[in-house]
Amino acid sequence: MSSTQQPSSKKQTLFIASLIILWYSSNIGVLLLNKYLLSNYGFKFPIFLTMCHMSACAFFSYISIVFIKLVPLQPIKSRPQFLKIATLSVVFCCSVVGGNISLRYLPVSFNQAVGATTPFFTALFAYLMTFKREAWVTYAALVPVVTGVVIASGGEPAFHWFGFIMCISATAARAFKSVLQGILLSSEGEMLNSMNLLLYMSPIAVLVLVPTALIMEPNVLEVIISLGRQHIYMWLLLFINSTLAYSANLSNFLVTKHTSALTLQVLGNAKGAVAVVISILLFRNPVTAVGIGGYTMTILGVVAYGEAKRRFR
């Protein structure tokens, strides 16, 4: 390797490492701040919080694509394509709102354990909607994924049925969205990269969430203004939280672009474990050996599932 290539390689490695650190800190940061705001701060409005996230994503996506030109702007070409994007946006809203609601009732550690079952729901919806079958070894790898969550549920001291149902619903909606996206935007003329898709989905999500928040959280504005007067940092926390929500989407796109989808999947598995450890240290939620064992089984199942898909594709 020449002396000119070596510094270039080091710069590239440093750049990718920085992206991964940004992705980890953004994802874990928004998760922990969500938990803090919804459970420890008196901010009990998950729908309004999701609306703030989507508003930030709409604003920053527009800045990133139109002004900074991070990626080329891909226009919507037809009304059917717009309707498909709107459908994805509603499903995406359901997944984020469900996840935020679950954080009001469940510890982050258990929330992450349930969220790790996304591959199970993805495989299920892919089979039901596209009749796409995987090798039997791939399906076998999903058994410990589900079994681990069942074990973790039995060993979770702060288990809450409504929170669990919301968390499972959010995980299923997230998987459904990924499969639906592959079906709806599969033609060459309709393909959008994730940044442009976020640009169009976010404003639609805001339009859906504003009336939903006003109906289901009728006193949200009054309480938020009151909280803002009591806690001088509330608006700052809300802004940082919403900015991190966009940063998580941006860094996810950049890490995938500069590495690979497989690398992202491996890093995602490790991210869940890191989030669990940090949340336990910060929030001091009690954990049991049974719960830790169940979560470990789920993570190992997800790793085995990813490896089986790669080998038997």
Protein backbone atom coordinates (compact mmCIF):
# COMPACT_ATOMS: atom_id res chain seq x y z
CA MET A 1 0.00 0.00 0.00
CA SER A 2 1.37 3.44 -0.95
CA SER A 3 1.88 6.22 1.56
CA THR A 4 -0.92 8.26 -0.07
CA GLN A 5 -3.40 5.38 0.15
CA GLN A 6 -2.70 4.67 3.83
CA PRO A 7 -3.83 8.08 5.19
CA SER A 8 -6.89 7.90 2.94
CA SER A 9 -7.77 4.47 4.35
CA LYS A 10 -7.31 5.73 7.91
CA LYS A 11 -9.56 8.72 7.19
CA GLN A 12 -12.24 6.42 5.76
CA THR A 13 -12.05 4.13 8.81
CA LEU A 14 -12.25 7.13 11.16
CA PHE A 15 -15.21 8.51 9.20
CA ILE A 16 -17.15 5.21 9.39
CA ALA A 17 -16.31 4.85 13.10
CA SER A 18 -17.66 8.40 13.67
CA LEU A 19 -20.87 7.52 11.82
CA ILE A 20 -21.35 4.40 13.95
CA ILE A 21 -20.78 6.40 17.15
CA LEU A 22 -23.32 8.99 15.92
CA TRP A 23 -25.82 6.24 15.10
CA TYR A 24 -25.39 4.56 18.49
CA SER A 25 -25.56 7.79 20.49
CA SER A 26 -28.59 9.08 18.51
CA ASN A 27 -30.59 5.84 18.83
CA ILE A 28 -29.76 5.20 22.47
CA GLY A 29 -30.08 8.90 23.32
CA VAL A 30 -33.58 9.28 21.87
CA LEU A 31 -34.68 6.03 23.54
CA LEU A 32 -33.44 7.07 26.98
CA LEU A 33 -34.79 10.62 26.64
CA ASN A 34 -38.17 9.22 25.58
CA LYS A 35 -38.21 7.10 28.72
CA TYR A 36 -37.13 10.01 30.91
CA LEU A 37 -39.74 12.40 29.49
CA LEU A 38 -42.61 9.91 29.49
CA SER A 39 -41.98 8.16 32.83
CA ASN A 40 -39.81 10.36 35.03
CA TYR A 41 -40.64 13.90 33.99
CA GLY A 42 -44.44 14.07 34.06
CA PHE A 43 -44.60 14.45 30.28
CA LYS A 44 -47.28 11.81 29.66
CA PHE A 45 -48.06 12.54 26.01
CA PRO A 46 -46.55 9.88 23.71
CA ILE A 47 -48.62 10.95 20.68
CA PHE A 48 -47.56 14.60 21.00
CA LEU A 49 -43.95 13.47 21.51
CA THR A 50 -44.13 11.44 18.30
CA MET A 51 -45.54 14.50 16.52
CA CYS A 52 -42.50 16.50 17.69
CA HIS A 53 -40.21 13.79 16.33
CA MET A 54 -41.96 13.77 12.95
CA SER A 55 -41.93 17.58 12.76
CA ALA A 56 -38.17 17.60 13.33
CA CYS A 57 -37.71 14.86 10.71
CA ALA A 58 -39.76 16.86 8.18
CA PHE A 59 -37.80 20.08 8.83
CA PHE A 60 -34.31 18.59 8.93
CA SER A 61 -34.97 16.28 5.94
CA TYR A 62 -35.96 19.30 3.87
CA ILE A 63 -32.81 21.19 4.92
CA SER A 64 -30.56 18.15 4.30
CA ILE A 65 -31.93 17.34 0.84
CA VAL A 66 -32.97 20.70 -0.63
CA PHE A 67 -30.25 22.99 0.78
CA ILE A 68 -27.30 20.80 1.86
CA LYS A 69 -28.02 18.37 -1.03
CA LEU A 70 -26.97 15.35 1.01
CA VAL A 71 -28.80 13.19 -1.54
CA PRO A 72 -30.57 14.18 -4.80
CA LEU A 73 -34.24 15.12 -4.43
CA GLN A 74 -36.48 12.37 -5.80
CA PRO A 75 -39.90 13.80 -6.74
CA ILE A 76 -43.20 11.96 -6.27
CA LYS A 77 -44.22 10.94 -9.78
CA SER A 78 -47.84 9.90 -9.45
CA ARG A 79 -50.89 9.94 -7.22
CA PRO A 80 -50.72 6.14 -6.63
CA GLN A 81 -47.12 6.55 -5.45
CA PHE A 82 -48.21 9.31 -3.04
CA LEU A 83 -50.99 7.08 -1.66
CA LYS A 84 -48.46 4.30 -1.10
CA ILE A 85 -46.15 6.67 0.79
CA ALA A 86 -49.13 7.91 2.85
CA THR A 87 -49.99 4.30 3.77
CA LEU A 88 -46.41 3.68 4.87
CA SER A 89 -46.49 6.90 6.89
CA VAL A 90 -49.59 5.83 8.85
CA VAL A 91 -48.08 2.42 9.62
CA PHE A 92 -44.82 4.12 10.64
CA CYS A 93 -46.80 6.45 12.95
CA CYS A 94 -48.44 3.47 14.62
CA SER A 95 -45.07 1.82 15.27
CA VAL A 96 -43.49 4.95 16.79
CA VAL A 97 -46.55 5.89 18.87
CA GLY A 98 -46.88 2.31 20.15
CA GLY A 99 -43.20 2.25 21.10
CA ASN A 100 -43.47 5.57 22.95
CA ILE A 101 -46.62 4.48 24.79
CA SER A 102 -44.90 1.27 25.90
CA LEU A 103 -42.04 3.29 27.43
CA ARG A 104 -44.52 4.82 29.88
CA TYR A 105 -45.13 1.38 31.39
CA LEU A 106 -42.06 -0.76 30.66
CA PRO A 107 -38.35 -0.42 31.42
CA VAL A 108 -36.08 0.28 28.43
CA SER A 109 -34.36 -3.08 28.94
CA PHE A 110 -37.57 -5.05 28.47
CA ASN A 111 -38.69 -2.74 25.64
CA GLN A 112 -35.48 -3.61 23.79
CA ALA A 113 -35.96 -7.32 24.43
CA VAL A 114 -39.40 -7.23 22.81
CA GLY A 115 -38.12 -5.01 19.99
CA ALA A 116 -35.48 -7.62 19.16
CA THR A 117 -38.27 -9.90 17.87
CA THR A 118 -38.67 -7.71 14.75
CA PRO A 119 -37.12 -10.41 12.48
CA PHE A 120 -39.84 -12.85 13.60
CA PHE A 121 -42.64 -10.49 12.55
CA THR A 122 -40.80 -9.54 9.34
CA ALA A 123 -40.53 -13.20 8.33
CA LEU A 124 -44.20 -13.76 9.25
CA PHE A 125 -45.51 -10.80 7.23
CA ALA A 126 -43.20 -11.60 4.31
CA TYR A 127 -44.69 -15.10 4.16
CA LEU A 128 -48.32 -13.96 4.59
CA MET A 129 -48.11 -11.08 2.11
CA THR A 130 -45.66 -12.29 -0.53
CA PHE A 131 -45.57 -16.07 0.13
CA LYS A 132 -41.80 -15.69 0.38
CA ARG A 133 -40.31 -18.72 2.09
CA GLU A 134 -36.99 -19.06 3.83
CA ALA A 135 -34.95 -22.19 4.47
CA TRP A 136 -36.17 -24.26 7.45
CA VAL A 137 -32.91 -23.47 9.28
CA THR A 138 -33.75 -19.76 9.06
CA TYR A 139 -37.18 -20.31 10.61
CA ALA A 140 -35.65 -22.56 13.27
CA ALA A 141 -33.40 -19.66 14.31
CA LEU A 142 -36.54 -17.64 15.14
CA VAL A 143 -37.58 -20.11 17.87
CA PRO A 144 -35.07 -18.81 20.46
CA VAL A 145 -36.01 -15.22 19.45
CA VAL A 146 -39.60 -15.72 20.59
CA THR A 147 -38.75 -18.12 23.44
CA GLY A 148 -36.30 -15.59 24.88
CA VAL A 149 -38.98 -12.89 25.07
CA VAL A 150 -41.42 -15.32 26.74
CA ILE A 151 -38.74 -16.13 29.35
CA ALA A 152 -37.82 -12.43 29.77
CA SER A 153 -41.52 -11.59 30.27
CA GLY A 154 -41.81 -14.12 33.09
CA GLY A 155 -38.67 -12.74 34.73
CA GLU A 156 -39.51 -9.02 34.36
CA PRO A 157 -40.33 -7.46 37.78
CA ALA A 158 -41.95 -4.39 36.17
CA PHE A 159 -44.02 -6.32 33.61
CA HIS A 160 -47.16 -4.44 32.51
CA TRP A 161 -49.72 -6.05 30.19
CA PHE A 162 -50.84 -2.88 28.41
CA GLY A 163 -47.24 -1.74 27.93
CA PHE A 164 -46.33 -5.21 26.62
CA ILE A 165 -49.23 -5.19 24.12
CA MET A 166 -48.20 -1.71 22.91
CA CYS A 167 -44.57 -2.82 22.57
CA ILE A 168 -45.49 -5.96 20.62
CA SER A 169 -47.84 -3.91 18.41
CA ALA A 170 -45.09 -1.37 17.72
CA THR A 171 -42.62 -4.13 16.83
CA ALA A 172 -45.14 -5.81 14.52
CA ALA A 173 -46.00 -2.47 12.87
CA ARG A 174 -42.29 -1.76 12.29
CA ALA A 175 -41.86 -5.15 10.59
CA PHE A 176 -45.09 -4.69 8.61
CA LYS A 177 -43.84 -1.31 7.37
CA SER A 178 -40.56 -2.78 6.09
CA VAL A 179 -42.37 -5.58 4.20
CA LEU A 180 -45.03 -3.17 2.91
CA GLN A 181 -42.34 -0.77 1.73
CA GLY A 182 -40.73 -3.54 -0.29
CA ILE A 183 -44.07 -4.34 -1.93
CA LEU A 184 -45.40 -0.81 -2.54
CA LEU A 185 -42.20 0.81 -3.73
CA SER A 186 -40.65 -2.15 -5.54
CA SER A 187 -40.93 -0.89 -9.12
CA GLU A 188 -37.89 0.90 -10.57
CA GLY A 189 -39.81 4.15 -11.15
CA GLU A 190 -41.11 4.32 -7.57
CA MET A 191 -37.99 3.43 -5.60
CA LEU A 192 -37.02 6.11 -3.09
CA ASN A 193 -33.94 6.12 -0.86
CA SER A 194 -34.65 6.24 2.86
CA MET A 195 -33.85 9.96 3.16
CA ASN A 196 -36.36 10.98 0.48
CA LEU A 197 -38.91 8.56 1.87
CA LEU A 198 -38.53 10.19 5.30
CA LEU A 199 -38.90 13.64 3.67
CA TYR A 200 -42.33 12.71 2.29
CA MET A 201 -43.53 10.49 5.14
CA SER A 202 -42.82 12.95 7.97
CA PRO A 203 -45.23 15.78 6.99
CA ILE A 204 -47.99 13.23 6.35
CA ALA A 205 -47.32 11.76 9.80
CA VAL A 206 -47.57 15.24 11.38
CA LEU A 207 -50.94 15.84 9.65
CA VAL A 208 -52.20 12.52 11.09
CA LEU A 209 -50.76 13.07 14.57
CA VAL A 210 -51.94 16.65 15.20
CA PRO A 211 -55.69 15.85 15.31
CA THR A 212 -54.96 12.50 17.00
CA ALA A 213 -53.04 14.24 19.80
CA LEU A 214 -55.75 16.90 20.23
CA ILE A 215 -58.47 14.22 20.50
CA MET A 216 -56.65 11.58 22.58
CA GLU A 217 -54.52 14.02 24.62
CA PRO A 218 -56.95 16.98 24.91
CA ASN A 219 -55.10 18.87 27.66
CA VAL A 220 -51.64 18.42 26.11
CA LEU A 221 -50.94 22.10 25.33
CA GLU A 222 -52.09 23.31 28.75
CA VAL A 223 -49.98 20.75 30.63
CA ILE A 224 -46.90 21.28 28.44
CA ILE A 225 -47.01 25.06 28.95
CA SER A 226 -47.37 24.46 32.70
CA LEU A 227 -44.44 22.00 32.70
CA GLY A 228 -42.38 24.48 30.69
CA ARG A 229 -42.88 27.09 33.42
CA GLN A 230 -41.97 24.64 36.20
CA HIS A 231 -38.93 23.11 34.47
CA ILE A 232 -36.79 25.61 32.58
CA TYR A 233 -35.02 22.87 30.62
CA MET A 234 -38.14 21.09 29.34
CA TRP A 235 -38.24 22.83 25.96
CA LEU A 236 -34.52 22.21 25.50
CA LEU A 237 -34.96 18.50 26.33
CA LEU A 238 -37.86 18.28 23.87
CA PHE A 239 -35.79 19.95 21.14
CA ILE A 240 -32.77 17.69 21.76
CA ASN A 241 -35.03 14.64 21.84
CA SER A 242 -36.66 15.57 18.50
CA THR A 243 -33.31 16.38 16.90
CA LEU A 244 -31.93 13.02 18.02
CA ALA A 245 -34.94 11.32 16.39
CA TYR A 246 -33.90 12.78 13.03
CA SER A 247 -30.21 12.11 13.70
CA ALA A 248 -31.04 8.42 14.28
CA ASN A 249 -32.69 8.20 10.84
CA LEU A 250 -29.89 10.16 9.14
CA SER A 251 -27.07 8.12 10.71
CA ASN A 252 -28.94 4.87 9.92
CA PHE A 253 -28.96 5.87 6.23
CA LEU A 254 -25.29 6.94 6.26
CA VAL A 255 -24.04 3.81 8.05
CA THR A 256 -25.91 1.62 5.55
CA LYS A 257 -24.56 3.66 2.63
CA HIS A 258 -20.93 3.48 3.75
CA THR A 259 -20.94 -0.10 5.07
CA SER A 260 -23.70 -2.61 4.27
CA ALA A 261 -27.15 -3.73 5.41
CA LEU A 262 -25.57 -6.80 7.05
CA THR A 263 -23.14 -4.62 9.03
CA LEU A 264 -26.07 -2.48 10.15
CA GLN A 265 -27.92 -5.58 11.34
CA VAL A 266 -24.93 -6.80 13.37
CA LEU A 267 -24.36 -3.35 14.86
CA GLY A 268 -28.08 -3.11 15.63
CA ASN A 269 -27.96 -6.29 17.69
CA ALA A 270 -25.06 -4.93 19.72
CA LYS A 271 -26.80 -1.53 20.06
CA GLY A 272 -29.78 -3.16 21.78
CA ALA A 273 -27.50 -4.77 24.36
CA VAL A 274 -25.66 -1.46 24.96
CA ALA A 275 -29.00 0.36 25.40
CA VAL A 276 -30.11 -2.23 27.96
CA VAL A 277 -26.94 -1.86 30.06
CA ILE A 278 -27.03 1.96 29.97
CA SER A 279 -30.75 2.10 30.83
CA ILE A 280 -30.29 -0.22 33.83
CA LEU A 281 -27.42 1.94 35.10
CA LEU A 282 -29.37 5.20 34.61
CA PHE A 283 -32.89 4.24 35.70
CA ARG A 284 -31.91 1.55 38.24
CA ASN A 285 -34.81 -0.66 37.15
CA PRO A 286 -34.61 -4.08 38.82
CA VAL A 287 -33.58 -7.02 36.63
CA THR A 288 -33.49 -10.74 37.32
CA ALA A 289 -31.24 -13.52 36.11
CA VAL A 290 -34.25 -15.01 34.31
CA GLY A 291 -34.89 -11.73 32.48
CA ILE A 292 -31.24 -11.35 31.47
CA GLY A 293 -31.17 -14.97 30.31
CA GLY A 294 -34.30 -14.50 28.20
CA TYR A 295 -32.97 -11.33 26.57
CA THR A 296 -29.61 -13.01 25.86
CA MET A 297 -31.42 -15.92 24.19
CA THR A 298 -33.38 -13.49 22.03
CA ILE A 299 -30.24 -11.65 20.89
CA LEU A 300 -28.44 -14.92 20.10
CA GLY A 301 -31.52 -16.03 18.12
CA VAL A 302 -31.48 -12.77 16.12
CA VAL A 303 -27.77 -13.26 15.36
CA ALA A 304 -28.40 -16.87 14.28
CA TYR A 305 -31.34 -15.73 12.12
CA GLY A 306 -29.19 -13.15 10.33
CA GLU A 307 -26.43 -15.69 9.71
CA ALA A 308 -28.91 -18.32 8.46
CA LYS A 309 -30.46 -15.81 6.03
CA ARG A 310 -27.02 -14.92 4.70
CA ARG A 311 -25.97 -18.54 4.17
CA PHE A 312 -29.23 -19.93 2.78
CA ARG A 313 -30.31 -16.94 0.69
